[in-house]
Protein backbone atom coordinates (compact mmCIF):
# COMPACT_ATOMS: atom_id res chain seq x y z
CA MET A 1 7.01 -10.40 -12.88
CA ALA A 2 3.78 -11.64 -11.32
CA GLU A 3 1.91 -11.15 -14.60
CA GLU A 4 4.70 -12.52 -16.80
CA ILE A 5 5.53 -15.64 -14.82
CA PHE A 6 2.65 -16.42 -12.45
CA ASN A 7 -0.41 -15.16 -14.39
CA GLY A 8 -1.04 -12.38 -11.90
CA LYS A 9 -1.24 -14.68 -8.87
CA ILE A 10 0.49 -13.06 -5.88
CA ALA A 11 0.86 -15.09 -2.69
CA SER A 12 2.17 -12.20 -0.63
CA GLU A 13 2.58 -8.52 -1.44
CA MET A 14 5.02 -6.16 0.24
CA THR A 15 5.31 -2.41 -0.39
CA LEU A 16 8.60 -0.55 -0.46
CA GLY A 17 7.64 1.24 2.76
CA GLU A 18 6.94 -2.05 4.55
CA ALA A 19 10.26 -3.49 3.37
CA ILE A 20 12.05 -0.48 4.91
CA VAL A 21 10.09 -0.78 8.17
CA ARG A 22 10.96 -4.49 8.36
CA GLU A 23 14.64 -3.56 7.80
CA ILE A 24 14.80 -5.73 4.68
CA LEU A 25 15.85 -2.60 2.80
CA PRO A 26 17.89 0.30 4.27
CA GLU A 27 16.37 3.70 5.08
CA PRO A 28 17.76 6.25 2.59
CA LYS A 29 18.77 9.85 3.14
CA TYR A 30 16.62 11.94 0.80
CA VAL A 31 18.11 15.25 -0.42
CA ILE A 32 15.94 17.73 -2.32
CA ALA A 33 17.61 20.41 -4.43
CA MET A 34 17.15 22.03 -7.85
CA TYR A 35 19.32 22.46 -10.90
CA SER A 36 16.75 24.38 -12.97
CA TYR A 37 14.15 26.91 -11.88
CA ARG A 38 14.17 29.52 -14.64
CA LYS A 39 11.13 28.03 -16.34
CA GLU A 40 9.06 28.14 -13.16
CA LEU A 41 10.06 31.76 -12.52
CA ASP A 42 9.08 32.71 -16.09
CA GLN A 43 5.66 31.08 -15.65
CA LEU A 44 5.10 32.96 -12.39
CA LYS A 45 6.09 36.19 -14.08
CA LYS A 46 3.52 35.60 -16.84
CA ARG A 47 0.80 34.95 -14.25
CA ILE A 48 1.61 38.22 -12.46
CA GLN A 49 1.49 40.13 -15.74
CA THR A 50 -2.07 38.88 -16.41
CA LEU A 51 -3.42 40.39 -13.16
CA SER A 52 -5.73 43.33 -13.71
CA ASN A 53 -5.14 44.83 -10.26
CA GLN A 54 -1.92 46.88 -10.41
CA GLY A 55 -1.54 46.75 -6.63
CA LEU A 56 -1.49 42.96 -6.77
CA VAL A 57 0.96 43.14 -9.66
CA ALA A 58 3.41 45.28 -7.67
CA GLU A 59 3.13 43.15 -4.52
CA ASN A 60 3.60 39.88 -6.36
CA GLN A 61 6.53 41.23 -8.36
CA LYS A 62 8.27 42.03 -5.07
CA LEU A 63 7.67 38.49 -3.87
CA LEU A 64 8.88 37.10 -7.17
CA GLU A 65 12.11 39.08 -6.86
CA GLN A 66 12.60 37.78 -3.29
CA LEU A 67 12.05 34.26 -4.56
CA ARG A 68 14.56 34.78 -7.37
CA ARG A 69 17.20 36.07 -4.93
CA ALA A 70 16.54 33.20 -2.48
CA LEU A 71 17.05 30.65 -5.24
CA GLU A 72 20.21 32.35 -6.49
CA GLN A 73 21.64 32.57 -2.96
CA ALA A 74 20.83 28.94 -2.08
CA ASP A 75 23.67 26.46 -2.13
CA GLY A 76 24.58 25.39 -5.63
CA LEU A 77 24.69 21.73 -6.54
CA GLU A 78 28.45 21.69 -6.08
CA GLN A 79 27.94 22.48 -2.37
CA VAL A 80 24.98 20.08 -2.10
CA PHE A 81 26.96 17.15 -3.49
CA GLN A 82 30.05 18.04 -1.44
CA LYS A 83 27.94 18.14 1.73
CA HIS A 84 25.88 14.98 1.27
CA MET A 85 28.17 12.67 -0.74
CA GLU A 86 29.86 11.35 2.38
CA LYS A 87 31.53 8.53 0.44
CA LYS A 88 33.74 10.43 -1.98
CA ASP A 89 34.71 7.32 -3.94
CA GLY A 90 31.19 5.89 -4.04
CA LYS A 91 29.09 4.66 -6.94
CA TYR A 92 26.10 6.74 -8.05
CA ILE A 93 23.57 6.17 -10.85
CA VAL A 94 22.39 9.33 -12.66
CA PHE A 95 18.99 9.07 -14.41
CA CYS A 96 18.49 11.34 -17.45
CA SER A 97 15.62 11.93 -19.89
CA ASP A 98 17.24 11.35 -23.27
CA LYS A 99 20.60 11.41 -25.06
CA GLU A 100 20.60 15.18 -25.50
CA HIS A 101 19.73 15.68 -21.84
CA MET A 102 22.41 13.21 -20.75
CA ASP A 103 25.10 14.95 -22.81
CA GLU A 104 24.05 18.28 -21.30
CA MET A 105 24.20 16.88 -17.76
CA LYS A 106 27.61 15.26 -18.32
CA GLU A 107 28.99 18.68 -19.22
CA GLN A 108 28.10 19.80 -15.68
CA VAL A 109 30.22 17.08 -14.01
CA PRO A 110 33.35 19.25 -13.45
CA VAL A 111 31.22 22.00 -11.85
CA TRP A 112 28.84 19.87 -9.79
CA PHE A 113 31.26 17.21 -8.56
CA GLY A 114 34.55 19.10 -8.57
CA GLN A 115 34.56 19.49 -4.78
CA VAL A 116 33.93 15.75 -4.35
CA ASP A 117 36.49 14.45 -6.85
CA SER A 118 38.38 16.44 -9.47
CA ARG A 119 38.76 13.32 -11.65
CA PRO A 120 35.57 11.25 -11.36
CA HIS A 121 35.09 8.14 -13.50
CA ILE A 122 32.20 8.64 -15.94
CA TYR A 123 30.19 5.80 -17.53
CA THR A 124 27.10 5.78 -19.76
CA ALA A 125 24.41 3.17 -20.34
CA PHE A 126 21.42 3.38 -22.67
CA TYR A 127 19.57 1.19 -25.12
CA ASN A 128 20.77 0.85 -28.71
CA ASP A 129 24.33 1.73 -27.71
CA THR A 130 26.80 -1.04 -28.53
CA ALA A 131 29.19 0.15 -25.81
CA THR A 132 26.60 -0.10 -23.03
CA ASP A 133 27.47 -3.63 -21.88
CA LYS A 134 31.15 -2.77 -21.68
CA GLU A 135 30.47 0.49 -19.81
CA PHE A 136 28.06 -1.18 -17.43
CA ALA A 137 30.50 -3.97 -16.63
CA ALA A 138 33.34 -1.48 -16.09
CA PHE A 139 31.20 0.56 -13.69
CA LYS A 140 30.33 -2.51 -11.61
CA LYS A 141 33.95 -3.65 -11.53
CA ASP A 142 35.45 -0.24 -10.71
CA ASP A 143 36.88 -0.32 -7.17
CA SER A 144 39.18 2.69 -7.55
CA GLY A 145 39.46 5.55 -5.09
CA HIS A 146 37.57 7.90 -7.43
CA LEU A 147 33.93 8.93 -7.60
CA LYS A 148 32.00 6.67 -10.03
CA LEU A 149 29.04 8.09 -11.99
CA LEU A 150 26.86 5.96 -14.31
CA PHE A 151 24.62 8.11 -16.54
CA CYS A 152 21.52 6.17 -17.71
CA ILE A 153 18.58 6.56 -20.07
CA ASP A 154 15.75 4.02 -19.61
CA MET A 155 18.33 1.40 -18.73
CA LEU A 156 18.13 0.64 -15.02
CA ASN A 157 14.51 1.46 -14.26
CA GLU A 158 13.67 -2.19 -13.68
CA GLY A 159 15.02 -5.71 -13.89
CA VAL A 160 18.71 -4.82 -13.49
CA HIS A 161 20.28 -4.22 -10.11
CA VAL A 162 23.81 -3.07 -9.28
CA ASP A 163 25.30 -4.05 -5.93
CA ASP A 164 27.26 -1.57 -3.80
CA VAL A 165 25.50 1.50 -5.20
CA ASP A 166 25.81 4.37 -2.73
CA GLY A 167 23.04 6.50 -4.17
CA VAL A 168 21.04 7.72 -7.15
CA ILE A 169 20.70 11.17 -8.71
CA LEU A 170 17.29 11.91 -10.23
CA LEU A 171 17.58 14.32 -13.14
CA ARG A 172 14.68 12.89 -15.15
CA PRO A 173 11.30 14.57 -14.44
CA THR A 174 8.60 11.92 -14.08
CA VAL A 175 5.02 11.81 -12.85
CA SER A 176 5.00 8.02 -12.82
CA PRO A 177 5.22 6.55 -9.27
CA ILE A 178 6.31 3.24 -10.80
CA ILE A 179 9.31 4.73 -12.62
CA TYR A 180 10.10 6.86 -9.56
CA LEU A 181 10.17 3.83 -7.24
CA GLN A 182 12.16 1.81 -9.77
CA GLN A 183 14.77 4.53 -9.93
CA ILE A 184 15.22 5.00 -6.18
CA GLY A 185 15.12 1.20 -5.82
CA ARG A 186 18.51 1.01 -7.53
CA ALA A 187 20.03 2.46 -4.35
CA LEU A 188 18.25 0.04 -2.01
CA SER A 189 19.89 -3.37 -1.63
CA ALA A 190 18.30 -6.06 0.53
CA GLY A 191 20.27 -6.66 3.70
CA SER A 192 22.48 -3.59 3.22
CA LYS A 193 23.52 -1.83 6.43
CA LYS A 194 24.69 1.43 4.82
CA THR A 195 22.54 4.50 4.30
CA PRO A 196 22.13 5.27 0.57
CA VAL A 197 21.59 8.84 -0.61
CA ILE A 198 18.84 9.87 -3.04
CA PHE A 199 19.41 13.24 -4.70
CA ASP A 200 16.05 14.46 -6.06
CA LEU A 201 16.85 17.41 -8.33
CA VAL A 202 13.63 17.52 -10.38
CA ASN A 203 10.86 18.21 -7.84
CA ASN A 204 11.13 21.93 -8.54
CA PHE A 205 8.02 23.51 -7.01
CA ASP A 206 5.76 20.46 -7.29
CA SER A 207 4.42 18.68 -4.19
CA LEU A 208 6.42 15.75 -2.92
CA CYS A 209 3.68 13.25 -3.79
CA CYS A 210 6.01 10.32 -4.44
CA ILE A 211 8.06 10.64 -1.26
CA ASP A 212 4.81 11.23 0.65
CA CYS A 213 3.53 7.95 -0.81
CA LEU A 214 6.60 6.15 0.52
CA LYS A 215 6.14 7.71 3.98
CA ASN A 216 2.48 6.70 3.95
CA GLU A 217 3.45 3.10 3.12
CA MET A 218 5.76 3.09 6.16
CA GLU A 219 2.98 4.52 8.34
CA GLU A 220 0.58 1.85 7.09
CA ALA A 221 3.11 -0.87 7.94
CA PHE A 222 3.30 0.41 11.51
CA VAL A 223 -0.51 0.49 11.77
CA LEU A 224 -1.00 -3.02 10.39
CA PHE A 225 1.85 -4.52 12.41
CA PRO A 226 2.10 -2.35 15.56
CA THR A 227 4.17 -4.84 17.59
CA THR A 228 5.97 -6.84 14.94
CA TYR A 229 8.32 -4.23 13.52
CA GLY A 230 9.23 -2.19 16.59
CA GLU A 231 8.74 1.45 17.48
CA ARG A 232 8.34 4.05 14.74
CA ALA A 233 10.65 6.38 16.71
CA HIS A 234 13.39 3.96 15.68
CA PHE A 235 13.04 5.22 12.10
CA SER A 236 12.31 8.92 12.66
CA ASP A 237 16.01 9.80 12.92
CA ARG A 238 17.16 7.44 10.18
CA PHE A 239 14.73 8.21 7.34
CA ARG A 240 15.81 11.78 6.68
CA ILE A 241 14.45 14.27 4.14
CA ILE A 242 16.81 17.20 3.64
CA ASP A 243 15.22 20.10 1.75
CA GLU A 244 17.93 22.44 0.49
CA THR A 245 15.25 24.76 -1.00
CA LYS A 246 13.00 25.15 2.05
CA ASP A 247 13.12 28.99 2.20
CA SER A 248 12.37 29.20 -1.51
CA ARG A 249 9.37 26.90 -1.13
CA ILE A 250 7.95 29.13 1.63
CA LEU A 251 8.20 32.18 -0.63
CA PHE A 252 6.70 30.21 -3.51
CA ARG A 253 3.67 29.17 -1.46
CA LYS A 254 3.13 32.77 -0.33
CA LEU A 255 3.30 33.95 -3.93
CA GLN A 256 0.88 31.23 -5.00
CA ALA A 257 -1.55 32.30 -2.26
CA ASN A 258 -1.39 35.91 -3.47
CA LEU A 259 -1.98 34.91 -7.07
CA SER A 260 -4.99 32.84 -6.03
CA SER A 261 -6.69 36.07 -4.93
CA ALA A 262 -7.50 36.68 -8.60
CA TRP A 263 -10.17 33.99 -8.28
CA ASP A 264 -12.86 35.76 -10.27
CA THR A 265 -10.52 36.26 -13.24
CA TYR A 266 -9.80 32.55 -13.38
CA TYR A 267 -13.45 31.67 -12.85
CA THR A 268 -14.43 33.79 -15.83
CA ALA A 269 -11.91 31.90 -17.98
CA ALA A 270 -13.19 28.56 -16.62
CA ARG A 271 -16.80 29.53 -17.40
CA GLN A 272 -15.78 30.45 -20.95
CA TRP A 273 -14.13 27.03 -21.34
CA TYR A 274 -17.31 25.35 -20.07
CA GLN A 275 -19.50 27.30 -22.50
CA GLU A 276 -17.27 26.18 -25.39
CA LYS A 277 -16.52 22.57 -24.32
CA GLY A 278 -19.49 21.66 -22.12
CA ASN A 279 -17.23 20.42 -19.30
CA LEU A 280 -14.28 21.38 -17.04
CA ARG A 281 -11.93 18.57 -18.04
CA ILE A 282 -9.05 20.99 -18.48
CA PRO A 283 -5.51 19.61 -18.92
CA LYS A 284 -3.14 20.57 -16.10
CA SER A 285 -0.72 22.26 -18.50
CA TYR A 286 -3.38 24.33 -20.32
CA VAL A 287 -2.70 28.10 -20.47
CA THR A 288 -5.15 30.60 -21.95
CA SER A 289 -4.21 32.97 -24.76
CA THR A 290 -3.85 35.73 -22.15
CA GLY A 291 -1.39 33.68 -20.08
CA LEU A 292 -3.72 32.38 -17.38
CA THR A 293 -2.58 28.94 -16.16
CA LEU A 294 -6.17 27.73 -16.09
CA GLY A 295 -5.39 24.00 -15.89
CA SER A 296 -3.17 24.52 -12.86
CA TRP A 297 -5.82 26.76 -11.26
CA ILE A 298 -8.54 24.11 -11.66
CA GLN A 299 -6.26 21.55 -10.03
CA THR A 300 -5.58 23.97 -7.15
CA GLN A 301 -9.33 24.34 -6.54
CA ARG A 302 -9.62 20.56 -6.30
CA ARG A 303 -6.75 20.36 -3.79
CA VAL A 304 -8.25 23.13 -1.65
CA TYR A 305 -11.65 21.40 -1.74
CA SER A 306 -10.12 18.06 -0.67
CA GLY A 307 -8.22 19.70 2.19
CA ALA A 308 -4.81 18.90 0.73
CA VAL A 309 -3.80 22.60 0.84
CA ALA A 310 -5.16 25.68 2.59
CA GLY A 311 -7.29 28.15 0.65
CA GLY A 312 -10.35 30.39 0.67
CA LEU A 313 -12.81 28.20 -1.25
CA THR A 314 -16.12 29.37 0.19
CA GLU A 315 -19.51 27.67 -0.26
CA VAL A 316 -20.45 30.36 -2.78
CA LYS A 317 -17.37 29.60 -4.88
CA VAL A 318 -18.02 25.85 -4.68
CA ARG A 319 -21.60 26.40 -5.86
CA LYS A 320 -20.44 28.59 -8.77
CA LEU A 321 -17.97 25.91 -9.88
CA ASN A 322 -20.62 23.20 -9.58
CA GLU A 323 -22.87 25.24 -11.87
CA ILE A 324 -20.30 24.91 -14.66
CA GLY A 325 -19.69 21.18 -14.24
CA MET A 326 -16.73 21.09 -11.86
CA ILE A 327 -15.19 17.62 -11.48
CA TRP A 328 -13.79 17.57 -7.96
CA ASP A 329 -12.05 14.18 -8.18
CA ALA A 330 -10.26 14.31 -11.52
CA ARG A 331 -8.40 11.02 -11.16
CA ASP A 332 -11.47 8.84 -11.47
CA GLN A 333 -13.47 11.38 -13.52
CA SER A 334 -16.77 10.28 -12.00
CA TRP A 335 -18.13 8.42 -9.04
CA ASN A 336 -20.03 5.97 -11.21
CA ASN A 337 -16.88 4.92 -13.09
CA ALA A 338 -15.03 4.19 -9.84
CA LEU A 339 -18.05 2.38 -8.41
CA ALA A 340 -18.19 0.16 -11.48
CA GLU A 341 -14.52 -0.78 -10.96
CA LEU A 342 -15.26 -1.58 -7.31
CA GLN A 343 -18.19 -3.76 -8.35
CA THR A 344 -15.99 -5.64 -10.82
CA TYR A 345 -13.32 -6.21 -8.17
CA PHE A 346 -15.95 -7.42 -5.68
CA ASN A 347 -17.44 -9.82 -8.23
CA GLU A 348 -13.98 -11.33 -8.85
CA HIS A 349 -12.63 -11.43 -5.28
CA GLY A 350 -15.71 -11.38 -3.02
CA ASN A 351 -14.38 -8.45 -0.96
CA LEU A 352 -12.98 -4.93 -1.17
CA ASP A 353 -9.69 -5.64 0.63
CA ILE A 354 -7.79 -3.79 -2.10
CA LYS A 355 -4.02 -3.25 -1.91
CA ALA A 356 -2.85 0.37 -2.16
CA ARG A 357 -0.93 -0.19 -5.43
CA TYR A 358 -3.59 -2.29 -7.18
CA GLU A 359 -4.46 -1.25 -10.73
CA THR A 360 -7.25 -2.61 -12.91
CA PRO A 361 -6.31 -4.32 -16.20
CA ASP A 362 -7.07 -1.11 -18.09
CA GLY A 363 -4.76 0.94 -15.85
CA PHE A 364 -7.21 2.52 -13.39
CA LYS A 365 -5.46 3.00 -10.01
CA LEU A 366 -8.25 1.54 -7.93
CA GLY A 367 -6.06 0.92 -4.86
CA ARG A 368 -4.92 4.55 -4.79
CA TRP A 369 -8.52 5.72 -5.23
CA VAL A 370 -9.69 3.63 -2.27
CA CYS A 371 -6.77 4.89 -0.11
CA ASN A 372 -7.65 8.49 -0.91
CA LEU A 373 -11.30 7.82 -0.11
CA ARG A 374 -10.38 6.28 3.26
CA THR A 375 -8.22 9.31 4.04
CA LYS A 376 -11.06 11.66 3.13
CA VAL A 377 -13.49 9.75 5.36
CA ARG A 378 -10.98 9.65 8.22
CA THR A 379 -10.38 13.41 7.92
CA LYS A 380 -13.91 14.69 7.39
CA GLY A 381 -16.04 11.88 8.79
CA LEU A 382 -18.29 9.52 6.83
CA ASP A 383 -21.29 11.85 6.83
CA GLN A 384 -19.32 14.82 5.51
CA ALA A 385 -17.19 12.94 3.00
CA LEU A 386 -19.96 10.99 1.21
CA THR A 387 -23.59 11.44 0.32
CA PRO A 388 -26.18 9.01 1.80
CA GLU A 389 -26.47 7.32 -1.61
CA GLN A 390 -22.72 6.87 -1.90
CA ARG A 391 -22.51 5.46 1.63
CA GLN A 392 -25.28 2.97 0.79
CA GLN A 393 -23.60 1.90 -2.44
CA LEU A 394 -20.31 1.20 -0.68
CA ALA A 395 -21.98 -0.52 2.26
CA GLU A 396 -23.70 -2.97 -0.12
CA LEU A 397 -20.27 -3.92 -1.47
CA GLY A 398 -18.82 -4.39 2.03
CA MET A 399 -16.43 -1.45 1.95
CA ILE A 400 -13.53 -1.79 4.44
CA TRP A 401 -12.85 1.60 6.03
CA ASP A 402 -10.35 0.45 8.66
CA ARG A 403 -8.17 -2.40 7.39
CA ASN A 404 -6.43 -2.80 10.73
CA SER A 405 -9.73 -3.28 12.57
CA GLU A 406 -11.00 -5.59 9.85
CA LYS A 407 -7.94 -7.84 10.15
CA TRP A 408 -8.37 -7.98 13.95
CA GLU A 409 -11.90 -9.27 13.47
CA ASP A 410 -10.62 -11.97 11.09
CA TYR A 411 -8.11 -13.16 13.68
CA PHE A 412 -10.66 -13.07 16.50
CA GLU A 413 -13.08 -15.16 14.44
CA ALA A 414 -10.31 -17.72 13.86
CA ALA A 415 -9.52 -17.76 17.59
CA GLU A 416 -13.20 -18.20 18.43
CA ASN A 417 -13.50 -21.15 16.03
CA TYR A 418 -10.40 -22.77 17.58
CA TYR A 419 -11.92 -22.34 21.05
CA LYS A 420 -15.22 -23.90 19.97
CA THR A 421 -13.35 -26.91 18.56
CA HIS A 422 -10.73 -27.47 21.28
CA GLY A 423 -12.24 -25.80 24.34
CA ASN A 424 -9.17 -23.64 24.91
CA LEU A 425 -6.74 -21.21 23.29
CA ASP A 426 -3.61 -23.27 23.98
CA VAL A 427 -2.38 -22.59 20.46
CA MET A 428 1.17 -23.36 19.37
CA THR A 429 3.10 -20.26 18.27
CA LYS A 430 3.64 -21.73 14.79
CA TYR A 431 -0.01 -22.74 14.34
CA VAL A 432 -1.59 -21.49 11.11
CA THR A 433 -5.29 -21.88 10.27
CA GLU A 434 -6.51 -23.71 7.16
CA ASN A 435 -7.01 -20.40 5.35
CA GLY A 436 -3.48 -19.23 6.13
CA LEU A 437 -3.89 -16.99 9.20
CA PRO A 438 -0.88 -17.25 11.59
CA LEU A 439 -3.16 -17.48 14.63
CA GLY A 440 -0.46 -18.78 16.99
CA ARG A 441 1.85 -15.86 16.28
CA TRP A 442 -1.01 -13.37 16.63
CA LEU A 443 -2.00 -14.70 20.08
CA SER A 444 1.66 -14.85 21.12
CA GLU A 445 2.17 -11.17 20.23
CA ILE A 446 -0.95 -10.16 22.15
CA SER A 447 0.20 -12.16 25.18
CA HIS A 448 3.61 -10.47 24.96
CA GLN A 449 1.91 -7.05 24.95
CA VAL A 450 -0.40 -7.79 27.85
CA CYS A 451 2.29 -9.40 30.02
CA GLY A 452 5.09 -7.01 29.08
CA GLU A 453 6.60 -4.40 31.34
CA ASN A 454 5.43 -1.45 29.22
CA GLN A 455 1.68 -1.60 29.70
CA ASP A 456 1.21 1.83 28.12
CA GLN A 457 2.05 0.39 24.69
CA ILE A 458 -0.83 -2.12 24.55
CA SER A 459 -2.57 -1.60 21.20
CA LEU A 460 -5.76 -3.48 22.17
CA SER A 461 -8.83 -1.85 23.64
CA GLU A 462 -10.41 -3.09 26.87
CA GLU A 463 -13.36 -4.34 24.85
CA GLN A 464 -11.06 -6.43 22.63
CA LEU A 465 -9.27 -7.91 25.65
CA LYS A 466 -12.62 -8.69 27.25
CA ARG A 467 -13.76 -10.55 24.12
CA LEU A 468 -10.54 -12.57 24.03
CA ARG A 469 -10.81 -13.54 27.69
CA SER A 470 -14.36 -14.74 27.08
CA ILE A 471 -12.98 -17.48 24.79
CA GLY A 472 -10.22 -18.67 27.10
CA PHE A 473 -7.37 -16.24 26.46
CA ARG A 474 -4.82 -16.41 29.30
CA GLN A 475 -2.23 -13.79 30.12
CA GLU A 476 1.02 -15.74 30.26
CA LYS A 477 4.63 -14.68 30.33
CA LYS A 478 6.73 -15.82 27.39
CA THR A 479 8.62 -18.40 29.49
CA ASP A 480 5.38 -19.86 30.86
CA ARG A 481 3.86 -20.03 27.39
CA GLN A 482 6.91 -21.80 25.99
CA TRP A 483 6.84 -24.33 28.86
CA ASN A 484 3.12 -25.02 28.40
CA GLU A 485 3.51 -25.53 24.64
CA LYS A 486 6.31 -28.05 25.07
CA TYR A 487 4.54 -29.77 27.96
CA MET A 488 1.45 -30.24 25.77
CA LEU A 489 3.60 -31.90 23.11
CA ALA A 490 5.17 -34.16 25.75
CA ARG A 491 1.71 -35.06 27.10
CA ASN A 492 0.50 -35.92 23.60
CA TYR A 493 3.58 -38.14 23.13
CA TYR A 494 2.86 -39.90 26.42
CA GLU A 495 -0.81 -40.49 25.52
CA THR A 496 0.31 -41.98 22.18
CA TYR A 497 3.26 -44.12 23.28
CA GLY A 498 2.64 -44.62 27.03
CA ASN A 499 6.06 -43.26 28.07
CA LEU A 500 8.44 -40.31 27.78
CA ASN A 501 11.40 -42.27 26.46
CA ILE A 502 11.77 -39.77 23.64
CA PRO A 503 14.79 -40.08 21.34
CA LEU A 504 17.17 -37.14 21.61
CA SER A 505 16.74 -36.28 17.90
CA TYR A 506 12.90 -36.36 17.97
CA SER A 507 11.19 -33.15 16.76
CA ILE A 508 7.56 -32.20 16.16
CA ASN A 509 6.04 -28.97 14.81
CA GLY A 510 9.53 -27.47 14.73
CA VAL A 511 10.11 -28.20 18.45
CA ARG A 512 13.10 -30.40 19.39
CA LEU A 513 11.09 -32.29 22.01
CA GLY A 514 13.72 -34.95 22.68
CA ARG A 515 16.34 -32.30 23.40
CA TRP A 516 13.90 -30.44 25.69
CA ILE A 517 13.14 -33.56 27.78
CA ALA A 518 16.89 -34.18 28.14
CA ASN A 519 17.44 -30.59 29.26
CA VAL A 520 14.67 -30.90 31.86
CA ARG A 521 16.26 -34.05 33.30
CA SER A 522 19.65 -32.33 33.40
CA LYS A 523 18.17 -29.28 35.12
CA ARG A 524 16.77 -31.35 37.97
CA LYS A 525 20.08 -33.16 38.45
CA HIS A 526 22.20 -30.01 38.06
CA PRO A 527 20.05 -26.95 38.96
CA ALA A 528 22.89 -24.45 38.45
CA SER A 529 23.70 -25.58 34.90
CA SER A 530 20.66 -24.08 33.15
CA GLY A 531 18.52 -20.97 33.21
CA MET A 532 15.31 -23.03 33.11
CA VAL A 533 13.02 -22.58 36.15
CA LEU A 534 11.93 -26.05 37.31
CA GLY A 535 9.63 -25.68 40.31
CA GLU A 536 7.67 -28.32 42.19
CA GLU A 537 4.52 -27.72 40.12
CA ARG A 538 6.33 -28.43 36.85
CA ILE A 539 7.95 -31.55 38.35
CA ARG A 540 4.47 -32.80 39.36
CA GLN A 541 3.19 -32.09 35.84
CA LEU A 542 5.90 -34.28 34.30
CA ASP A 543 5.51 -36.99 36.96
CA SER A 544 1.84 -37.26 35.98
CA ILE A 545 2.81 -38.28 32.45
CA GLY A 546 5.47 -40.83 33.38
CA MET A 547 8.65 -38.76 33.36
CA ASN A 548 11.78 -40.88 33.86
CA TRP A 549 14.24 -38.67 35.78
CA LYS A 550 17.16 -41.13 35.55
């Protein structure tokens, strides 16, 4: 929409995770299950058969059989839906891959949903189908006491939203985070108080990269706005991930670890590829003629090297892979390519304050690359994560390693400039700087932290507090700050007009100053009628600017 309507100009960007943290969107319940695992088991069986060590073959075959039994004994989808579809007459959108896949999935309705509703209402919606509009309208209008299922193919990924949807069922495998977020977004309605359910049935044995991305966005929102959106514990019980295949995943990881012990066999195949191709740019799905899943193995080596998963990648093994042209960060292919994209962004924007979901015009996920680099530096340290040359290259571009700290410095600089101009930090709560920083709100939140009852939750360091106090920051309670702000407005009125005969309807900067003056007069005449504290000092303050108490 930003590109189509506003030429790419975005005034304010909000991630899905931030919207959930801010309670604009509801926190979903996320249920992980599987409807198909035969293919994965067959691939594992082929890998075991390629092992040259018969002892390893026997051990891994035992594990494979345990995994098969665990999957067969796990709750079927009929039990999963019966357990987690709390609203038996709810509306659910089912995403499928294509027409053939949708027809196949619809045949499973009596089995999967029989324990929820023996007579569910079934609707279909996909492009090039003349009945789609009618089906879609009927689904939205259906308020019966039956379960409502809308099967879709590339229909509701984006642009179309259905109110009152109780959940989505993901049956379409996708590696696209955009399509993934569009699909789960159909269950998230702004302002909704109910908890939608997301049934993810296509993760199989892959890592939960998409749901991890959503959790990371929520964590980033808490880091950037530690006091604005409340305590993260508030969400820990509400954003639930229910993994119905947990035991199977444990067995799978153990089997994967055992298969990784055939490292030399895979390395030999990788070296042969390098000798033939001159590189190690091996597609993830590539399998050798002997059945070795070489592409998957190369990817596993990268994940072990980055620390994403545990493994026995020794320095000797790393050196051997480097000798045959190993590319450790496959997403950007080379450091120089990513650096060139960073340079282009810097030339256009004058900084490297890159949003996590930013993509270059040619589709390079620069924001994701920067986020991963920050994580790597935070985990391993700057010296271990980057070479001296790489550190120098990024420093010359003004790389931002800690966005939260960087934003604090921006606000402090704005506060310092205000102090130099006005001689104080008596900033109205609604005050915004010329370049758009809500300085008043920032100072108000800090004052609330410092003066609050829970001193253990202060997010500022002593050094930061010391710097603020050096430019006139005062620790005031909220009531004192509100009084001082309104008194300053009254004093300015007096200096302009020579009196405090302020009309009752008079407002300035969003403050109903006339009403406030009237309330103050009333409080002095009738002390018990208001909660306002009107001591002698405040009375003297108003007397000094010509307050008329009659």
